[in-house]
Amino acid sequence: MSRTERKQLRRRAQEDAELAARIQRAQRRLAQATGPLPVIDPRTAPDALADPAPAQRSTITER
């Protein structure tokens, strides 16, 4: 790799690290501003409340 390519890679890695740090700071600020998220019971489909059907054994059929 040439010196120019190594410099470009180093610069790109530094830019990526700066962006990741900015995102992390923004997420931390948002979490502090909003406080803990409320706990909500997950929705369930009506058929999910019914007893599940027993598992059926599959069979291999030859043609």
PDB file of N, CA and C in Angstrom:
ATOM      1  N   MET A   1       0.843  -1.172   0.000  1.00  0.00           N
ATOM      2  CA  MET A   1       0.000   0.000   0.000  1.00  0.00           C
ATOM      3  C   MET A   1       0.894   1.243   0.000  1.00  0.00           C
ATOM      4  N   SER A   2       0.510   2.195  -0.767  1.00  0.00           N
ATOM      5  CA  SER A   2       1.315   3.412  -0.846  1.00  0.00           C
ATOM      6  C   SER A   2       1.080   4.292   0.384  1.00  0.00           C
ATOM      7  N   ARG A   3       1.966   5.238   0.558  1.00  0.00           N
ATOM      8  CA  ARG A   3       1.867   6.148   1.708  1.00  0.00           C
ATOM      9  C   ARG A   3       0.563   6.946   1.664  1.00  0.00           C
ATOM     10  N   THR A   4       0.183   7.371   0.461  1.00  0.00           N
ATOM     11  CA  THR A   4      -1.059   8.136   0.296  1.00  0.00           C
ATOM     12  C   THR A   4      -2.272   7.294   0.685  1.00  0.00           C
ATOM     13  N   GLU A   5      -2.274   6.026   0.269  1.00  0.00           N
ATOM     14  CA  GLU A   5      -3.394   5.146   0.607  1.00  0.00           C
ATOM     15  C   GLU A   5      -3.478   4.919   2.118  1.00  0.00           C
ATOM     16  N   ARG A   6      -2.325   4.746   2.762  1.00  0.00           N
ATOM     17  CA  ARG A   6      -2.320   4.565   4.216  1.00  0.00           C
ATOM     18  C   ARG A   6      -2.835   5.813   4.918  1.00  0.00           C
ATOM     19  N   LYS A   7      -2.447   6.989   4.417  1.00  0.00           N
ATOM     20  CA  LYS A   7      -2.926   8.239   5.014  1.00  0.00           C
ATOM     21  C   LYS A   7      -4.442   8.360   4.849  1.00  0.00           C
ATOM     22  N   GLN A   8      -4.935   7.986   3.670  1.00  0.00           N
ATOM     23  CA  GLN A   8      -6.376   8.052   3.429  1.00  0.00           C
ATOM     24  C   GLN A   8      -7.123   7.091   4.358  1.00  0.00           C
ATOM     25  N   LEU A   9      -6.569   5.883   4.523  1.00  0.00           N
ATOM     26  CA  LEU A   9      -7.202   4.918   5.420  1.00  0.00           C
ATOM     27  C   LEU A   9      -7.214   5.430   6.850  1.00  0.00           C
ATOM     28  N   ARG A  10      -6.103   6.012   7.290  1.00  0.00           N
ATOM     29  CA  ARG A  10      -6.017   6.553   8.643  1.00  0.00           C
ATOM     30  C   ARG A  10      -7.013   7.687   8.834  1.00  0.00           C
ATOM     31  N   ARG A  11      -7.119   8.566   7.826  1.00  0.00           N
ATOM     32  CA  ARG A  11      -8.057   9.683   7.907  1.00  0.00           C
ATOM     33  C   ARG A  11      -9.492   9.164   7.959  1.00  0.00           C
ATOM     34  N   ARG A  12      -9.788   8.163   7.128  1.00  0.00           N
ATOM     35  CA  ARG A  12     -11.140   7.587   7.104  1.00  0.00           C
ATOM     36  C   ARG A  12     -11.478   6.949   8.452  1.00  0.00           C
ATOM     37  N   ALA A  13     -10.511   6.224   9.036  1.00  0.00           N
ATOM     38  CA  ALA A  13     -10.738   5.590  10.335  1.00  0.00           C
ATOM     39  C   ALA A  13     -10.976   6.647  11.410  1.00  0.00           C
ATOM     40  N   GLN A  14     -10.245   7.751  11.344  1.00  0.00           N
ATOM     41  CA  GLN A  14     -10.419   8.829  12.321  1.00  0.00           C
ATOM     42  C   GLN A  14     -11.797   9.468  12.165  1.00  0.00           C
ATOM     43  N   GLU A  15     -12.224   9.688  10.916  1.00  0.00           N
ATOM     44  CA  GLU A  15     -13.550  10.265  10.681  1.00  0.00           C
ATOM     45  C   GLU A  15     -14.643   9.326  11.188  1.00  0.00           C
ATOM     46  N   ASP A  16     -14.470   8.018  10.942  1.00  0.00           N
ATOM     47  CA  ASP A  16     -15.455   7.043  11.418  1.00  0.00           C
ATOM     48  C   ASP A  16     -15.530   7.039  12.941  1.00  0.00           C
ATOM     49  N   ALA A  17     -14.368   7.121  13.593  1.00  0.00           N
ATOM     50  CA  ALA A  17     -14.339   7.134  15.060  1.00  0.00           C
ATOM     51  C   ALA A  17     -15.006   8.393  15.601  1.00  0.00           C
ATOM     52  N   GLU A  18     -14.779   9.534  14.950  1.00  0.00           N
ATOM     53  CA  GLU A  18     -15.407  10.779  15.386  1.00  0.00           C
ATOM     54  C   GLU A  18     -16.924  10.702  15.237  1.00  0.00           C
ATOM     55  N   LEU A  19     -17.383  10.139  14.124  1.00  0.00           N
ATOM     56  CA  LEU A  19     -18.822   9.997  13.905  1.00  0.00           C
ATOM     57  C   LEU A  19     -19.435   9.069  14.954  1.00  0.00           C
ATOM     58  N   ALA A  20     -18.772   7.957  15.237  1.00  0.00           N
ATOM     59  CA  ALA A  20     -19.282   7.026  16.249  1.00  0.00           C
ATOM     60  C   ALA A  20     -19.357   7.704  17.616  1.00  0.00           C
ATOM     61  N   ALA A  21     -18.356   8.520  17.942  1.00  0.00           N
ATOM     62  CA  ALA A  21     -18.360   9.226  19.227  1.00  0.00           C
ATOM     63  C   ALA A  21     -19.493  10.248  19.274  1.00  0.00           C
ATOM     64  N   ARG A  22     -19.734  10.956  18.167  1.00  0.00           N
ATOM     65  CA  ARG A  22     -20.830  11.932  18.125  1.00  0.00           C
ATOM     66  C   ARG A  22     -22.172  11.241  18.305  1.00  0.00           C
ATOM     67  N   ILE A  23     -22.352  10.103  17.639  1.00  0.00           N
ATOM     68  CA  ILE A  23     -23.607   9.362  17.754  1.00  0.00           C
ATOM     69  C   ILE A  23     -23.801   8.885  19.186  1.00  0.00           C
ATOM     70  N   GLN A  24     -22.728   8.370  19.788  1.00  0.00           N
ATOM     71  CA  GLN A  24     -22.826   7.889  21.164  1.00  0.00           C
ATOM     72  C   GLN A  24     -23.186   9.021  22.123  1.00  0.00           C
ATOM     73  N   ARG A  25     -22.576  10.190  21.935  1.00  0.00           N
ATOM     74  CA  ARG A  25     -22.898  11.330  22.804  1.00  0.00           C
ATOM     75  C   ARG A  25     -24.347  11.751  22.623  1.00  0.00           C
ATOM     76  N   ALA A  26     -24.816  11.779  21.362  1.00  0.00           N
ATOM     77  CA  ALA A  26     -26.204  12.171  21.098  1.00  0.00           C
ATOM     78  C   ALA A  26     -27.175  11.179  21.733  1.00  0.00           C
ATOM     79  N   GLN A  27     -26.861   9.885  21.632  1.00  0.00           N
ATOM     80  CA  GLN A  27     -27.735   8.884  22.238  1.00  0.00           C
ATOM     81  C   GLN A  27     -27.758   9.033  23.757  1.00  0.00           C
ATOM     82  N   ARG A  28     -26.616   9.322  24.358  1.00  0.00           N
ATOM     83  CA  ARG A  28     -26.547   9.498  25.804  1.00  0.00           C
ATOM     84  C   ARG A  28     -27.360  10.714  26.228  1.00  0.00           C
ATOM     85  N   ARG A  29     -27.233  11.826  25.464  1.00  0.00           N
ATOM     86  CA  ARG A  29     -28.009  13.027  25.790  1.00  0.00           C
ATOM     87  C   ARG A  29     -29.503  12.762  25.669  1.00  0.00           C
ATOM     88  N   LEU A  30     -29.894  12.042  24.625  1.00  0.00           N
ATOM     89  CA  LEU A  30     -31.305  11.720  24.432  1.00  0.00           C
ATOM     90  C   LEU A  30     -31.819  10.853  25.576  1.00  0.00           C
ATOM     91  N   ALA A  31     -31.041   9.873  25.975  1.00  0.00           N
ATOM     92  CA  ALA A  31     -31.461   8.996  27.071  1.00  0.00           C
ATOM     93  C   ALA A  31     -31.594   9.783  28.366  1.00  0.00           C
ATOM     94  N   GLN A  32     -30.696  10.722  28.611  1.00  0.00           N
ATOM     95  CA  GLN A  32     -30.776  11.528  29.828  1.00  0.00           C
ATOM     96  C   GLN A  32     -31.976  12.468  29.780  1.00  0.00           C
ATOM     97  N   ALA A  33     -32.298  12.980  28.599  1.00  0.00           N
ATOM     98  CA  ALA A  33     -33.405  13.932  28.465  1.00  0.00           C
ATOM     99  C   ALA A  33     -34.757  13.247  28.610  1.00  0.00           C
ATOM    100  N   THR A  34     -34.869  12.019  28.120  1.00  0.00           N
ATOM    101  CA  THR A  34     -36.168  11.349  28.133  1.00  0.00           C
ATOM    102  C   THR A  34     -36.401  10.539  29.392  1.00  0.00           C
ATOM    103  N   GLY A  35     -35.364  10.168  30.088  1.00  0.00           N
ATOM    104  CA  GLY A  35     -35.521   9.340  31.280  1.00  0.00           C
ATOM    105  C   GLY A  35     -35.779   7.899  30.891  1.00  0.00           C
ATOM    106  N   PRO A  36     -36.092   7.072  31.871  1.00  0.00           N
ATOM    107  CA  PRO A  36     -36.314   5.653  31.560  1.00  0.00           C
ATOM    108  C   PRO A  36     -37.581   5.469  30.728  1.00  0.00           C
ATOM    109  N   LEU A  37     -37.536   4.504  29.845  1.00  0.00           N
ATOM    110  CA  LEU A  37     -38.691   4.224  29.002  1.00  0.00           C
ATOM    111  C   LEU A  37     -39.728   3.444  29.798  1.00  0.00           C
ATOM    112  N   PRO A  38     -41.015   3.707  29.549  1.00  0.00           N
ATOM    113  CA  PRO A  38     -42.053   2.969  30.275  1.00  0.00           C
ATOM    114  C   PRO A  38     -42.092   1.508  29.831  1.00  0.00           C
ATOM    115  N   VAL A  39     -42.461   0.645  30.753  1.00  0.00           N
ATOM    116  CA  VAL A  39     -42.575  -0.776  30.430  1.00  0.00           C
ATOM    117  C   VAL A  39     -44.009  -1.031  29.995  1.00  0.00           C
ATOM    118  N   ILE A  40     -44.167  -1.547  28.799  1.00  0.00           N
ATOM    119  CA  ILE A  40     -45.500  -1.806  28.249  1.00  0.00           C
ATOM    120  C   ILE A  40     -45.608  -3.299  27.974  1.00  0.00           C
ATOM    121  N   ASP A  41     -46.735  -3.894  28.366  1.00  0.00           N
ATOM    122  CA  ASP A  41     -46.937  -5.310  28.086  1.00  0.00           C
ATOM    123  C   ASP A  41     -47.008  -5.514  26.578  1.00  0.00           C
ATOM    124  N   PRO A  42     -46.338  -6.526  26.076  1.00  0.00           N
ATOM    125  CA  PRO A  42     -46.380  -6.763  24.628  1.00  0.00           C
ATOM    126  C   PRO A  42     -47.772  -7.203  24.196  1.00  0.00           C
ATOM    127  N   ARG A  43     -48.155  -6.799  23.020  1.00  0.00           N
ATOM    128  CA  ARG A  43     -49.458  -7.200  22.487  1.00  0.00           C
ATOM    129  C   ARG A  43     -49.385  -8.662  22.072  1.00  0.00           C
ATOM    130  N   THR A  44     -50.499  -9.344  22.232  1.00  0.00           N
ATOM    131  CA  THR A  44     -50.547 -10.737  21.791  1.00  0.00           C
ATOM    132  C   THR A  44     -51.732 -10.906  20.860  1.00  0.00           C
ATOM    133  N   ALA A  45     -51.544 -11.717  19.860  1.00  0.00           N
ATOM    134  CA  ALA A  45     -52.623 -12.009  18.928  1.00  0.00           C
ATOM    135  C   ALA A  45     -53.631 -12.910  19.635  1.00  0.00           C
ATOM    136  N   PRO A  46     -54.920 -12.815  19.274  1.00  0.00           N
ATOM    137  CA  PRO A  46     -55.935 -13.650  19.940  1.00  0.00           C
ATOM    138  C   PRO A  46     -55.613 -15.139  19.855  1.00  0.00           C
ATOM    139  N   ASP A  47     -55.075 -15.591  18.731  1.00  0.00           N
ATOM    140  CA  ASP A  47     -54.771 -17.014  18.615  1.00  0.00           C
ATOM    141  C   ASP A  47     -53.545 -17.400  19.445  1.00  0.00           C
ATOM    142  N   ALA A  48     -52.745 -16.435  19.852  1.00  0.00           N
ATOM    143  CA  ALA A  48     -51.588 -16.742  20.694  1.00  0.00           C
ATOM    144  C   ALA A  48     -52.032 -17.077  22.110  1.00  0.00           C
ATOM    145  N   LEU A  49     -53.234 -16.645  22.485  1.00  0.00           N
ATOM    146  CA  LEU A  49     -53.732 -16.917  23.826  1.00  0.00           C
ATOM    147  C   LEU A  49     -54.299 -18.329  23.941  1.00  0.00           C
ATOM    148  N   ALA A  50     -54.661 -18.940  22.815  1.00  0.00           N
ATOM    149  CA  ALA A  50     -55.224 -20.287  22.832  1.00  0.00           C
ATOM    150  C   ALA A  50     -54.108 -21.301  23.081  1.00  0.00           C
ATOM    151  N   ASP A  51     -54.514 -22.494  23.533  1.00  0.00           N
ATOM    152  CA  ASP A  51     -53.525 -23.550  23.758  1.00  0.00           C
ATOM    153  C   ASP A  51     -52.871 -23.922  22.428  1.00  0.00           C
ATOM    154  N   PRO A  52     -51.569 -24.046  22.418  1.00  0.00           N
ATOM    155  CA  PRO A  52     -50.914 -24.408  21.165  1.00  0.00           C
ATOM    156  C   PRO A  52     -51.215 -25.860  20.799  1.00  0.00           C
ATOM    157  N   ALA A  53     -51.307 -26.111  19.514  1.00  0.00           N
ATOM    158  CA  ALA A  53     -51.555 -27.470  19.047  1.00  0.00           C
ATOM    159  C   ALA A  53     -50.299 -28.299  19.293  1.00  0.00           C
ATOM    160  N   PRO A  54     -50.470 -29.566  19.634  1.00  0.00           N
ATOM    161  CA  PRO A  54     -49.288 -30.392  19.865  1.00  0.00           C
ATOM    162  C   PRO A  54     -48.474 -30.532  18.577  1.00  0.00           C
ATOM    163  N   ALA A  55     -47.193 -30.639  18.733  1.00  0.00           N
ATOM    164  CA  ALA A  55     -46.320 -30.769  17.570  1.00  0.00           C
ATOM    165  C   ALA A  55     -46.580 -32.107  16.900  1.00  0.00           C
ATOM    166  N   GLN A  56     -46.556 -32.098  15.594  1.00  0.00           N
ATOM    167  CA  GLN A  56     -46.782 -33.332  14.854  1.00  0.00           C
ATOM    168  C   GLN A  56     -45.463 -33.801  14.264  1.00  0.00           C
ATOM    169  N   ARG A  57     -45.260 -35.100  14.324  1.00  0.00           N
ATOM    170  CA  ARG A  57     -44.042 -35.680  13.787  1.00  0.00           C
ATOM    171  C   ARG A  57     -44.139 -35.690  12.264  1.00  0.00           C
ATOM    172  N   SER A  58     -43.081 -35.274  11.604  1.00  0.00           N
ATOM    173  CA  SER A  58     -43.096 -35.281  10.144  1.00  0.00           C
ATOM    174  C   SER A  58     -42.676 -36.658   9.648  1.00  0.00           C
ATOM    175  N   THR A  59     -43.165 -37.000   8.482  1.00  0.00           N
ATOM    176  CA  THR A  59     -42.808 -38.293   7.894  1.00  0.00           C
ATOM    177  C   THR A  59     -42.175 -38.056   6.542  1.00  0.00           C
ATOM    178  N   ILE A  60     -41.234 -38.924   6.222  1.00  0.00           N
ATOM    179  CA  ILE A  60     -40.551 -38.832   4.931  1.00  0.00           C
ATOM    180  C   ILE A  60     -41.224 -39.820   3.995  1.00  0.00           C
ATOM    181  N   THR A  61     -41.656 -39.329   2.864  1.00  0.00           N
ATOM    182  CA  THR A  61     -42.280 -40.208   1.879  1.00  0.00           C
ATOM    183  C   THR A  61     -41.411 -40.246   0.643  1.00  0.00           C
ATOM    184  N   GLU A  62     -41.258 -41.422   0.101  1.00  0.00           N
ATOM    185  CA  GLU A  62     -40.453 -41.565  -1.115  1.00  0.00           C
ATOM    186  C   GLU A  62     -41.373 -41.546  -2.310  1.00  0.00           C
ATOM    187  N   ARG A  63     -40.890 -40.988  -3.380  1.00  0.00           N
ATOM    188  CA  ARG A  63     -41.696 -40.909  -4.599  1.00  0.00           C
ATOM    189  C   ARG A  63     -41.287 -41.978  -5.567  1.00  0.00           C
TER     190      ARG A  63
END
